[in-house]
Amino acid sequence: MTSEYHITSDSSISSIIAADQTEECVLSKGKLCICSECEANREKLMQGKNKRKPITDDASSKKLRSNSVVDEEDESTTMPDAVLCQPVSGPALSEEEKLEKMTTACRTILQCIGENPDREGLIKTPSRWAKALLFMTKGYQQNTASVTNEAVFTEDSHKEMVVVKDIDIHSLCEHHMVPFTGKVHVGYIPNGKIIGLSKMARIAEVFSRRLQVQERLTAQIADAVVEATDPLGVAVVVECSHFCMVMRGVQKTGSKTITSSVRGCFEKDPKTRSEFFSIIHRT
């Protein structure tokens, strides 16, 4: 977001410089601009139309002062992916409460599509669906540290590439909540630490068991390996078939989506990157 500073007139600039003997922006000195646009924005904040936190004197609030105000309906478009893909904070629900709410919602969905949720074949479907969806999104309850389980070991002798390929993944598209399935290939070059090979698959599982887009999933796996092992470099390739393209929409059954994410020496060195791609494409 581009910072915007609003000054009322040239005379205002002159008075500020004369008073402070500096050309620093008034906002950076903790002072508030009083131009018509900034005043209008502050009135909106005071009236509760914008739900951002009140302006204080801490560093983060000064940054807010220097940025143009975002309306509530537009705020979601400016939030970083790292925030958007995290579980929503709120009252913790027990497993029983989650299942009860989801089962009720599924009964409503069945009625909306024209089914009878009380007929023999569907009586237990809402509870089965609720349990299945919780399993398919269990990645929200996990993180990298919990699945690596301290399976990172010191190993100074190996400085060559380690590749784990053809890791099966199953995820849910966040746009339609229908599956996309495929394979993940992960390669890294150790920098004094190695990770248990099965942990690569577990890391991929953590992030695939969430509502996802493939591009973000690929980057998250790469970043998680960097976090776990601090390697010289990491490369991740994901190949998937998306059911939102196969079962609906354009209905192209043979299409695949391939995404890649590279870090460290894989990003800087074309030869290292080429070696990784040649390894994962060998039959």
C-alpha atoms as a PDB file:
ATOM      1  CA  MET A   1       0.000   0.000   0.000  1.00  0.00           C
ATOM      2  CA  THR A   2       1.370   3.397  -0.969  1.00  0.00           C
ATOM      3  CA  SER A   3       1.722   5.886   1.851  1.00  0.00           C
ATOM      4  CA  GLU A   4      -0.120   9.174   1.326  1.00  0.00           C
ATOM      5  CA  TYR A   5       0.658  12.390   3.156  1.00  0.00           C
ATOM      6  CA  HIS A   6      -1.867  15.235   3.008  1.00  0.00           C
ATOM      7  CA  ILE A   7      -0.843  18.882   3.611  1.00  0.00           C
ATOM      8  CA  THR A   8      -3.434  21.653   3.537  1.00  0.00           C
ATOM      9  CA  SER A   9      -1.352  24.381   1.863  1.00  0.00           C
ATOM     10  CA  ASP A  10       2.136  25.771   1.239  1.00  0.00           C
ATOM     11  CA  SER A  11       1.728  28.059   4.240  1.00  0.00           C
ATOM     12  CA  SER A  12       1.086  25.021   6.423  1.00  0.00           C
ATOM     13  CA  ILE A  13       4.382  23.497   5.243  1.00  0.00           C
ATOM     14  CA  SER A  14       6.235  26.699   6.008  1.00  0.00           C
ATOM     15  CA  SER A  15       4.798  26.955   9.503  1.00  0.00           C
ATOM     16  CA  ILE A  16       5.702  23.343  10.290  1.00  0.00           C
ATOM     17  CA  ILE A  17       9.289  23.782   9.108  1.00  0.00           C
ATOM     18  CA  ALA A  18       9.651  27.079  10.971  1.00  0.00           C
ATOM     19  CA  ALA A  19       8.359  25.576  14.188  1.00  0.00           C
ATOM     20  CA  ASP A  20      10.389  22.376  14.133  1.00  0.00           C
ATOM     21  CA  GLN A  21      13.475  23.464  12.140  1.00  0.00           C
ATOM     22  CA  THR A  22      13.229  20.228  10.150  1.00  0.00           C
ATOM     23  CA  GLU A  23      11.684  18.896   6.949  1.00  0.00           C
ATOM     24  CA  GLU A  24      10.415  15.705   8.557  1.00  0.00           C
ATOM     25  CA  CYS A  25       6.848  14.728   7.700  1.00  0.00           C
ATOM     26  CA  VAL A  26       4.375  15.796  10.385  1.00  0.00           C
ATOM     27  CA  LEU A  27       3.075  12.231  10.556  1.00  0.00           C
ATOM     28  CA  SER A  28       6.518  10.827  11.365  1.00  0.00           C
ATOM     29  CA  LYS A  29       6.721  13.273  14.304  1.00  0.00           C
ATOM     30  CA  GLY A  30       3.523  11.899  15.792  1.00  0.00           C
ATOM     31  CA  LYS A  31       1.414  14.866  14.716  1.00  0.00           C
ATOM     32  CA  LEU A  32      -1.891  14.536  12.902  1.00  0.00           C
ATOM     33  CA  CYS A  33      -2.643  16.049   9.525  1.00  0.00           C
ATOM     34  CA  ILE A  34      -5.797  18.191   9.540  1.00  0.00           C
ATOM     35  CA  CYS A  35      -6.585  18.345   5.844  1.00  0.00           C
ATOM     36  CA  SER A  36     -10.190  17.707   4.811  1.00  0.00           C
ATOM     37  CA  GLU A  37      -9.509  14.166   3.592  1.00  0.00           C
ATOM     38  CA  CYS A  38      -7.735  13.065   6.784  1.00  0.00           C
ATOM     39  CA  GLU A  39     -10.403  14.714   8.921  1.00  0.00           C
ATOM     40  CA  ALA A  40     -13.124  12.872   7.015  1.00  0.00           C
ATOM     41  CA  ASN A  41     -11.316   9.586   7.545  1.00  0.00           C
ATOM     42  CA  ARG A  42     -10.959  10.249  11.273  1.00  0.00           C
ATOM     43  CA  GLU A  43     -14.664  11.055  11.529  1.00  0.00           C
ATOM     44  CA  LYS A  44     -15.428   7.664   9.996  1.00  0.00           C
ATOM     45  CA  LEU A  45     -13.189   5.988  12.572  1.00  0.00           C
ATOM     46  CA  MET A  46     -14.854   7.844  15.444  1.00  0.00           C
ATOM     47  CA  GLN A  47     -18.323   6.915  14.187  1.00  0.00           C
ATOM     48  CA  GLY A  48     -17.416   3.224  14.210  1.00  0.00           C
ATOM     49  CA  LYS A  49     -17.794   2.755  10.447  1.00  0.00           C
ATOM     50  CA  ASN A  50     -14.243   1.448  10.225  1.00  0.00           C
ATOM     51  CA  LYS A  51     -13.357  -1.369  12.609  1.00  0.00           C
ATOM     52  CA  ARG A  52      -9.621  -0.861  12.759  1.00  0.00           C
ATOM     53  CA  LYS A  53      -8.065  -0.472  16.219  1.00  0.00           C
ATOM     54  CA  PRO A  54      -8.043   3.087  17.669  1.00  0.00           C
ATOM     55  CA  ILE A  55      -4.971   5.154  16.846  1.00  0.00           C
ATOM     56  CA  THR A  56      -2.418   5.201  19.665  1.00  0.00           C
ATOM     57  CA  ASP A  57       1.160   6.404  19.894  1.00  0.00           C
ATOM     58  CA  ASP A  58       2.845   3.049  19.251  1.00  0.00           C
ATOM     59  CA  ALA A  59       4.892   2.305  16.151  1.00  0.00           C
ATOM     60  CA  SER A  60       2.204   0.295  14.392  1.00  0.00           C
ATOM     61  CA  SER A  61      -0.372   3.060  14.769  1.00  0.00           C
ATOM     62  CA  LYS A  62       2.033   5.620  13.281  1.00  0.00           C
ATOM     63  CA  LYS A  63       2.242   3.371  10.246  1.00  0.00           C
ATOM     64  CA  LEU A  64      -1.552   3.415  10.055  1.00  0.00           C
ATOM     65  CA  ARG A  65      -1.537   7.210  10.097  1.00  0.00           C
ATOM     66  CA  SER A  66       0.778   7.328   7.108  1.00  0.00           C
ATOM     67  CA  ASN A  67      -1.307   4.891   5.059  1.00  0.00           C
ATOM     68  CA  SER A  68      -4.550   5.706   3.317  1.00  0.00           C
ATOM     69  CA  VAL A  69      -7.543   4.403   5.239  1.00  0.00           C
ATOM     70  CA  VAL A  70      -9.153   1.242   3.853  1.00  0.00           C
ATOM     71  CA  ASP A  71     -12.895   0.849   4.074  1.00  0.00           C
ATOM     72  CA  GLU A  72     -14.227  -2.198   5.902  1.00  0.00           C
ATOM     73  CA  GLU A  73     -15.546  -3.846   2.748  1.00  0.00           C
ATOM     74  CA  ASP A  74     -12.143  -3.487   1.022  1.00  0.00           C
ATOM     75  CA  GLU A  75      -9.953  -4.530   3.966  1.00  0.00           C
ATOM     76  CA  SER A  76      -9.948  -8.231   3.079  1.00  0.00           C
ATOM     77  CA  THR A  77      -8.220  -7.489  -0.225  1.00  0.00           C
ATOM     78  CA  THR A  78      -5.239  -5.895   1.549  1.00  0.00           C
ATOM     79  CA  MET A  79      -4.614  -8.549   4.179  1.00  0.00           C
ATOM     80  CA  PRO A  80      -1.473 -10.641   3.552  1.00  0.00           C
ATOM     81  CA  ASP A  81      -1.866 -14.317   2.642  1.00  0.00           C
ATOM     82  CA  ALA A  82      -0.045 -15.250   5.843  1.00  0.00           C
ATOM     83  CA  VAL A  83      -3.003 -13.817   7.769  1.00  0.00           C
ATOM     84  CA  LEU A  84      -5.750 -14.996   5.438  1.00  0.00           C
ATOM     85  CA  CYS A  85      -4.710 -18.640   5.587  1.00  0.00           C
ATOM     86  CA  GLN A  86      -4.620 -18.834   9.386  1.00  0.00           C
ATOM     87  CA  PRO A  87      -7.480 -20.227  11.482  1.00  0.00           C
ATOM     88  CA  VAL A  88      -9.929 -17.535  12.574  1.00  0.00           C
ATOM     89  CA  SER A  89      -9.560 -16.641  16.224  1.00  0.00           C
ATOM     90  CA  GLY A  90     -12.627 -16.915  18.420  1.00  0.00           C
ATOM     91  CA  PRO A  91     -14.265 -19.013  21.122  1.00  0.00           C
ATOM     92  CA  ALA A  92     -12.834 -22.516  21.109  1.00  0.00           C
ATOM     93  CA  LEU A  93     -15.412 -25.178  20.299  1.00  0.00           C
ATOM     94  CA  SER A  94     -15.248 -28.711  21.555  1.00  0.00           C
ATOM     95  CA  GLU A  95     -15.257 -31.583  19.079  1.00  0.00           C
ATOM     96  CA  GLU A  96     -18.880 -32.332  19.987  1.00  0.00           C
ATOM     97  CA  GLU A  97     -19.937 -28.713  19.426  1.00  0.00           C
ATOM     98  CA  LYS A  98     -18.236 -28.618  16.034  1.00  0.00           C
ATOM     99  CA  LEU A  99     -19.916 -31.853  14.956  1.00  0.00           C
ATOM    100  CA  GLU A 100     -23.318 -30.642  16.127  1.00  0.00           C
ATOM    101  CA  LYS A 101     -23.082 -27.351  14.223  1.00  0.00           C
ATOM    102  CA  MET A 102     -21.763 -28.988  11.065  1.00  0.00           C
ATOM    103  CA  THR A 103     -24.352 -31.769  11.164  1.00  0.00           C
ATOM    104  CA  THR A 104     -27.149 -29.211  11.404  1.00  0.00           C
ATOM    105  CA  ALA A 105     -25.649 -27.247   8.513  1.00  0.00           C
ATOM    106  CA  CYS A 106     -25.423 -30.380   6.359  1.00  0.00           C
ATOM    107  CA  ARG A 107     -29.087 -31.190   6.949  1.00  0.00           C
ATOM    108  CA  THR A 108     -29.943 -27.690   5.727  1.00  0.00           C
ATOM    109  CA  ILE A 109     -27.797 -28.174   2.617  1.00  0.00           C
ATOM    110  CA  LEU A 110     -29.495 -31.499   1.833  1.00  0.00           C
ATOM    111  CA  GLN A 111     -32.894 -29.850   2.090  1.00  0.00           C
ATOM    112  CA  CYS A 112     -31.781 -26.964  -0.152  1.00  0.00           C
ATOM    113  CA  ILE A 113     -30.690 -29.280  -2.958  1.00  0.00           C
ATOM    114  CA  GLY A 114     -34.050 -31.061  -2.840  1.00  0.00           C
ATOM    115  CA  GLU A 115     -33.227 -34.085  -0.704  1.00  0.00           C
ATOM    116  CA  ASN A 116     -34.904 -35.533   2.370  1.00  0.00           C
ATOM    117  CA  PRO A 117     -32.274 -35.783   5.149  1.00  0.00           C
ATOM    118  CA  ASP A 118     -34.542 -38.182   7.061  1.00  0.00           C
ATOM    119  CA  ARG A 119     -34.700 -40.870   4.394  1.00  0.00           C
ATOM    120  CA  GLU A 120     -32.856 -44.112   5.112  1.00  0.00           C
ATOM    121  CA  GLY A 121     -29.797 -43.485   2.952  1.00  0.00           C
ATOM    122  CA  LEU A 122     -29.200 -39.981   4.331  1.00  0.00           C
ATOM    123  CA  ILE A 123     -30.023 -40.293   8.029  1.00  0.00           C
ATOM    124  CA  LYS A 124     -26.362 -40.563   9.059  1.00  0.00           C
ATOM    125  CA  THR A 125     -24.910 -38.611   6.144  1.00  0.00           C
ATOM    126  CA  PRO A 126     -24.733 -35.236   7.964  1.00  0.00           C
ATOM    127  CA  SER A 127     -22.666 -36.661  10.831  1.00  0.00           C
ATOM    128  CA  ARG A 128     -20.445 -38.634   8.443  1.00  0.00           C
ATOM    129  CA  TRP A 129     -19.885 -35.495   6.338  1.00  0.00           C
ATOM    130  CA  ALA A 130     -19.000 -33.449   9.420  1.00  0.00           C
ATOM    131  CA  LYS A 131     -16.422 -36.000  10.589  1.00  0.00           C
ATOM    132  CA  ALA A 132     -14.974 -36.316   7.093  1.00  0.00           C
ATOM    133  CA  LEU A 133     -14.615 -32.545   6.644  1.00  0.00           C
ATOM    134  CA  LEU A 134     -12.903 -32.167  10.019  1.00  0.00           C
ATOM    135  CA  PHE A 135     -10.445 -34.864   8.970  1.00  0.00           C
ATOM    136  CA  MET A 136      -9.806 -33.265   5.578  1.00  0.00           C
ATOM    137  CA  THR A 137      -9.050 -29.929   7.267  1.00  0.00           C
ATOM    138  CA  LYS A 138      -7.080 -31.235  10.252  1.00  0.00           C
ATOM    139  CA  GLY A 139      -4.069 -29.201   9.091  1.00  0.00           C
ATOM    140  CA  TYR A 140      -5.549 -26.179  10.871  1.00  0.00           C
ATOM    141  CA  GLN A 141      -4.744 -27.900  14.156  1.00  0.00           C
ATOM    142  CA  GLN A 142      -1.130 -28.663  13.191  1.00  0.00           C
ATOM    143  CA  ASN A 143       2.105 -26.807  12.483  1.00  0.00           C
ATOM    144  CA  THR A 144       5.579 -27.653  11.234  1.00  0.00           C
ATOM    145  CA  ALA A 145       7.078 -28.177  14.691  1.00  0.00           C
ATOM    146  CA  SER A 146       4.342 -30.612  15.728  1.00  0.00           C
ATOM    147  CA  VAL A 147       4.842 -32.929  12.743  1.00  0.00           C
ATOM    148  CA  THR A 148       8.641 -32.849  12.486  1.00  0.00           C
ATOM    149  CA  ASN A 149       8.679 -33.986  16.118  1.00  0.00           C
ATOM    150  CA  GLU A 150      12.344 -33.048  16.610  1.00  0.00           C
ATOM    151  CA  ALA A 151      13.364 -35.334  13.739  1.00  0.00           C
ATOM    152  CA  VAL A 152      16.036 -32.857  12.610  1.00  0.00           C
ATOM    153  CA  PHE A 153      19.590 -34.099  13.002  1.00  0.00           C
ATOM    154  CA  THR A 154      23.063 -32.598  12.774  1.00  0.00           C
ATOM    155  CA  GLU A 155      24.920 -33.911   9.736  1.00  0.00           C
ATOM    156  CA  ASP A 156      27.874 -31.937   8.409  1.00  0.00           C
ATOM    157  CA  SER A 157      29.134 -34.524   5.932  1.00  0.00           C
ATOM    158  CA  HIS A 158      26.324 -34.295   3.378  1.00  0.00           C
ATOM    159  CA  LYS A 159      26.193 -31.165   1.234  1.00  0.00           C
ATOM    160  CA  GLU A 160      24.450 -32.629  -1.805  1.00  0.00           C
ATOM    161  CA  MET A 161      20.843 -32.515  -2.911  1.00  0.00           C
ATOM    162  CA  VAL A 162      18.189 -34.596  -1.139  1.00  0.00           C
ATOM    163  CA  VAL A 163      14.977 -35.173  -3.094  1.00  0.00           C
ATOM    164  CA  VAL A 164      11.721 -36.796  -1.993  1.00  0.00           C
ATOM    165  CA  LYS A 165       9.382 -37.132  -4.969  1.00  0.00           C
ATOM    166  CA  ASP A 166       5.850 -38.366  -5.691  1.00  0.00           C
ATOM    167  CA  ILE A 167       4.334 -37.485  -2.311  1.00  0.00           C
ATOM    168  CA  ASP A 168       0.578 -37.923  -2.685  1.00  0.00           C
ATOM    169  CA  ILE A 169      -1.552 -35.012  -1.491  1.00  0.00           C
ATOM    170  CA  HIS A 170      -5.287 -34.388  -1.269  1.00  0.00           C
ATOM    171  CA  SER A 171      -6.603 -30.911  -0.577  1.00  0.00           C
ATOM    172  CA  LEU A 172      -9.749 -28.793  -0.889  1.00  0.00           C
ATOM    173  CA  CYS A 173      -9.970 -25.802  -3.205  1.00  0.00           C
ATOM    174  CA  GLU A 174     -10.920 -22.789  -1.095  1.00  0.00           C
ATOM    175  CA  HIS A 175     -13.020 -21.328  -3.921  1.00  0.00           C
ATOM    176  CA  HIS A 176     -15.442 -24.240  -4.310  1.00  0.00           C
ATOM    177  CA  MET A 177     -14.511 -26.625  -1.472  1.00  0.00           C
ATOM    178  CA  VAL A 178     -14.069 -29.486  -3.935  1.00  0.00           C
ATOM    179  CA  PRO A 179     -10.930 -31.633  -4.000  1.00  0.00           C
ATOM    180  CA  PHE A 180      -7.700 -31.246  -5.888  1.00  0.00           C
ATOM    181  CA  THR A 181      -5.267 -34.126  -5.772  1.00  0.00           C
ATOM    182  CA  GLY A 182      -1.786 -34.814  -7.027  1.00  0.00           C
ATOM    183  CA  LYS A 183       1.860 -35.128  -6.073  1.00  0.00           C
ATOM    184  CA  VAL A 184       4.526 -33.039  -4.393  1.00  0.00           C
ATOM    185  CA  HIS A 185       8.256 -33.180  -5.080  1.00  0.00           C
ATOM    186  CA  VAL A 186      10.606 -31.637  -2.512  1.00  0.00           C
ATOM    187  CA  GLY A 187      14.366 -31.131  -2.769  1.00  0.00           C
ATOM    188  CA  TYR A 188      16.802 -29.414  -0.425  1.00  0.00           C
ATOM    189  CA  ILE A 189      20.523 -29.033   0.098  1.00  0.00           C
ATOM    190  CA  PRO A 190      21.478 -29.441   3.782  1.00  0.00           C
ATOM    191  CA  ASN A 191      23.497 -26.852   5.628  1.00  0.00           C
ATOM    192  CA  GLY A 192      24.569 -28.913   8.617  1.00  0.00           C
ATOM    193  CA  LYS A 193      21.093 -30.314   9.348  1.00  0.00           C
ATOM    194  CA  ILE A 194      19.012 -33.065   7.779  1.00  0.00           C
ATOM    195  CA  ILE A 195      15.380 -33.983   8.377  1.00  0.00           C
ATOM    196  CA  GLY A 196      13.746 -37.413   8.555  1.00  0.00           C
ATOM    197  CA  LEU A 197      12.542 -38.307   5.069  1.00  0.00           C
ATOM    198  CA  SER A 198       8.998 -39.128   6.185  1.00  0.00           C
ATOM    199  CA  LYS A 199       8.730 -35.640   7.671  1.00  0.00           C
ATOM    200  CA  MET A 200       8.691 -34.167   4.171  1.00  0.00           C
ATOM    201  CA  ALA A 201       5.429 -35.997   3.546  1.00  0.00           C
ATOM    202  CA  ARG A 202       4.076 -34.877   6.916  1.00  0.00           C
ATOM    203  CA  ILE A 203       4.895 -31.232   6.182  1.00  0.00           C
ATOM    204  CA  ALA A 204       3.076 -31.491   2.852  1.00  0.00           C
ATOM    205  CA  GLU A 205       0.129 -33.071   4.676  1.00  0.00           C
ATOM    206  CA  VAL A 206      -0.148 -30.229   7.205  1.00  0.00           C
ATOM    207  CA  PHE A 207      -0.680 -27.579   4.556  1.00  0.00           C
ATOM    208  CA  SER A 208      -2.680 -29.676   2.105  1.00  0.00           C
ATOM    209  CA  ARG A 209      -5.221 -30.522   4.811  1.00  0.00           C
ATOM    210  CA  ARG A 210      -6.561 -26.978   4.761  1.00  0.00           C
ATOM    211  CA  LEU A 211      -8.677 -24.968   2.351  1.00  0.00           C
ATOM    212  CA  GLN A 212      -6.064 -24.046  -0.214  1.00  0.00           C
ATOM    213  CA  VAL A 213      -4.984 -22.668  -3.527  1.00  0.00           C
ATOM    214  CA  GLN A 214      -2.162 -24.626  -5.108  1.00  0.00           C
ATOM    215  CA  GLU A 215       0.124 -21.615  -5.471  1.00  0.00           C
ATOM    216  CA  ARG A 216       0.032 -20.857  -1.744  1.00  0.00           C
ATOM    217  CA  LEU A 217       0.339 -24.530  -0.812  1.00  0.00           C
ATOM    218  CA  THR A 218       3.566 -24.797  -2.820  1.00  0.00           C
ATOM    219  CA  ALA A 219       5.124 -21.764  -1.128  1.00  0.00           C
ATOM    220  CA  GLN A 220       4.058 -22.895   2.351  1.00  0.00           C
ATOM    221  CA  ILE A 221       5.748 -26.274   1.956  1.00  0.00           C
ATOM    222  CA  ALA A 222       8.971 -24.596   0.808  1.00  0.00           C
ATOM    223  CA  ASP A 223       8.919 -22.120   3.695  1.00  0.00           C
ATOM    224  CA  ALA A 224       8.216 -24.906   6.206  1.00  0.00           C
ATOM    225  CA  VAL A 225      11.278 -26.882   5.068  1.00  0.00           C
ATOM    226  CA  VAL A 226      13.375 -23.717   5.369  1.00  0.00           C
ATOM    227  CA  GLU A 227      12.012 -23.167   8.873  1.00  0.00           C
ATOM    228  CA  ALA A 228      12.731 -26.750   9.923  1.00  0.00           C
ATOM    229  CA  THR A 229      16.245 -27.221   8.543  1.00  0.00           C
ATOM    230  CA  ASP A 230      17.676 -23.807   7.532  1.00  0.00           C
ATOM    231  CA  PRO A 231      19.153 -25.373   4.360  1.00  0.00           C
ATOM    232  CA  LEU A 232      21.266 -23.869   1.593  1.00  0.00           C
ATOM    233  CA  GLY A 233      18.225 -24.063  -0.639  1.00  0.00           C
ATOM    234  CA  VAL A 234      14.792 -25.641  -1.147  1.00  0.00           C
ATOM    235  CA  ALA A 235      12.760 -26.452  -4.241  1.00  0.00           C
ATOM    236  CA  VAL A 236       9.150 -27.641  -4.318  1.00  0.00           C
ATOM    237  CA  VAL A 237       7.026 -28.682  -7.303  1.00  0.00           C
ATOM    238  CA  VAL A 238       3.328 -29.540  -7.001  1.00  0.00           C
ATOM    239  CA  GLU A 239       1.343 -31.248  -9.788  1.00  0.00           C
ATOM    240  CA  CYS A 240      -2.424 -31.511  -9.266  1.00  0.00           C
ATOM    241  CA  SER A 241      -5.716 -32.166 -10.974  1.00  0.00           C
ATOM    242  CA  HIS A 242      -8.464 -29.815  -9.793  1.00  0.00           C
ATOM    243  CA  PHE A 243     -11.986 -31.160  -9.586  1.00  0.00           C
ATOM    244  CA  CYS A 244     -13.373 -27.634  -9.924  1.00  0.00           C
ATOM    245  CA  MET A 245     -12.102 -27.872 -13.529  1.00  0.00           C
ATOM    246  CA  VAL A 246     -12.902 -31.551 -14.016  1.00  0.00           C
ATOM    247  CA  MET A 247     -16.416 -31.853 -12.537  1.00  0.00           C
ATOM    248  CA  ARG A 248     -17.744 -28.338 -13.171  1.00  0.00           C
ATOM    249  CA  GLY A 249     -16.926 -25.203 -15.147  1.00  0.00           C
ATOM    250  CA  VAL A 250     -14.907 -26.005 -18.256  1.00  0.00           C
ATOM    251  CA  GLN A 251     -14.882 -29.758 -17.394  1.00  0.00           C
ATOM    252  CA  LYS A 252     -11.427 -30.482 -18.807  1.00  0.00           C
ATOM    253  CA  THR A 253     -10.686 -33.918 -17.390  1.00  0.00           C
ATOM    254  CA  GLY A 254      -7.081 -34.197 -18.558  1.00  0.00           C
ATOM    255  CA  SER A 255      -5.815 -30.842 -17.330  1.00  0.00           C
ATOM    256  CA  LYS A 256      -3.119 -30.520 -14.674  1.00  0.00           C
ATOM    257  CA  THR A 257      -1.755 -27.542 -12.796  1.00  0.00           C
ATOM    258  CA  ILE A 258       1.972 -27.408 -12.021  1.00  0.00           C
ATOM    259  CA  THR A 259       3.440 -24.897  -9.580  1.00  0.00           C
ATOM    260  CA  SER A 260       6.956 -24.459  -8.239  1.00  0.00           C
ATOM    261  CA  SER A 261       8.610 -22.555  -5.420  1.00  0.00           C
ATOM    262  CA  VAL A 262      12.368 -22.185  -4.925  1.00  0.00           C
ATOM    263  CA  ARG A 263      14.462 -20.739  -2.132  1.00  0.00           C
ATOM    264  CA  GLY A 264      18.157 -20.052  -1.584  1.00  0.00           C
ATOM    265  CA  CYS A 265      20.614 -21.634  -4.008  1.00  0.00           C
ATOM    266  CA  PHE A 266      17.805 -23.144  -6.100  1.00  0.00           C
ATOM    267  CA  GLU A 267      16.643 -19.631  -6.844  1.00  0.00           C
ATOM    268  CA  LYS A 268      20.099 -18.185  -7.464  1.00  0.00           C
ATOM    269  CA  ASP A 269      21.786 -21.036  -9.352  1.00  0.00           C
ATOM    270  CA  PRO A 270      20.151 -22.201 -12.629  1.00  0.00           C
ATOM    271  CA  LYS A 271      22.310 -25.366 -12.718  1.00  0.00           C
ATOM    272  CA  THR A 272      21.121 -26.474  -9.274  1.00  0.00           C
ATOM    273  CA  ARG A 273      17.538 -25.760 -10.254  1.00  0.00           C
ATOM    274  CA  SER A 274      17.917 -27.688 -13.511  1.00  0.00           C
ATOM    275  CA  GLU A 275      19.377 -30.678 -11.673  1.00  0.00           C
ATOM    276  CA  PHE A 276      16.344 -30.792  -9.372  1.00  0.00           C
ATOM    277  CA  PHE A 277      13.880 -30.657 -12.264  1.00  0.00           C
ATOM    278  CA  SER A 278      15.766 -33.383 -14.153  1.00  0.00           C
ATOM    279  CA  ILE A 279      15.640 -35.659 -11.072  1.00  0.00           C
ATOM    280  CA  ILE A 280      11.912 -35.314 -10.444  1.00  0.00           C
ATOM    281  CA  HIS A 281      11.047 -35.924 -14.096  1.00  0.00           C
ATOM    282  CA  ARG A 282      13.023 -39.155 -14.363  1.00  0.00           C
ATOM    283  CA  THR A 283      10.796 -42.236 -14.656  1.00  0.00           C
END
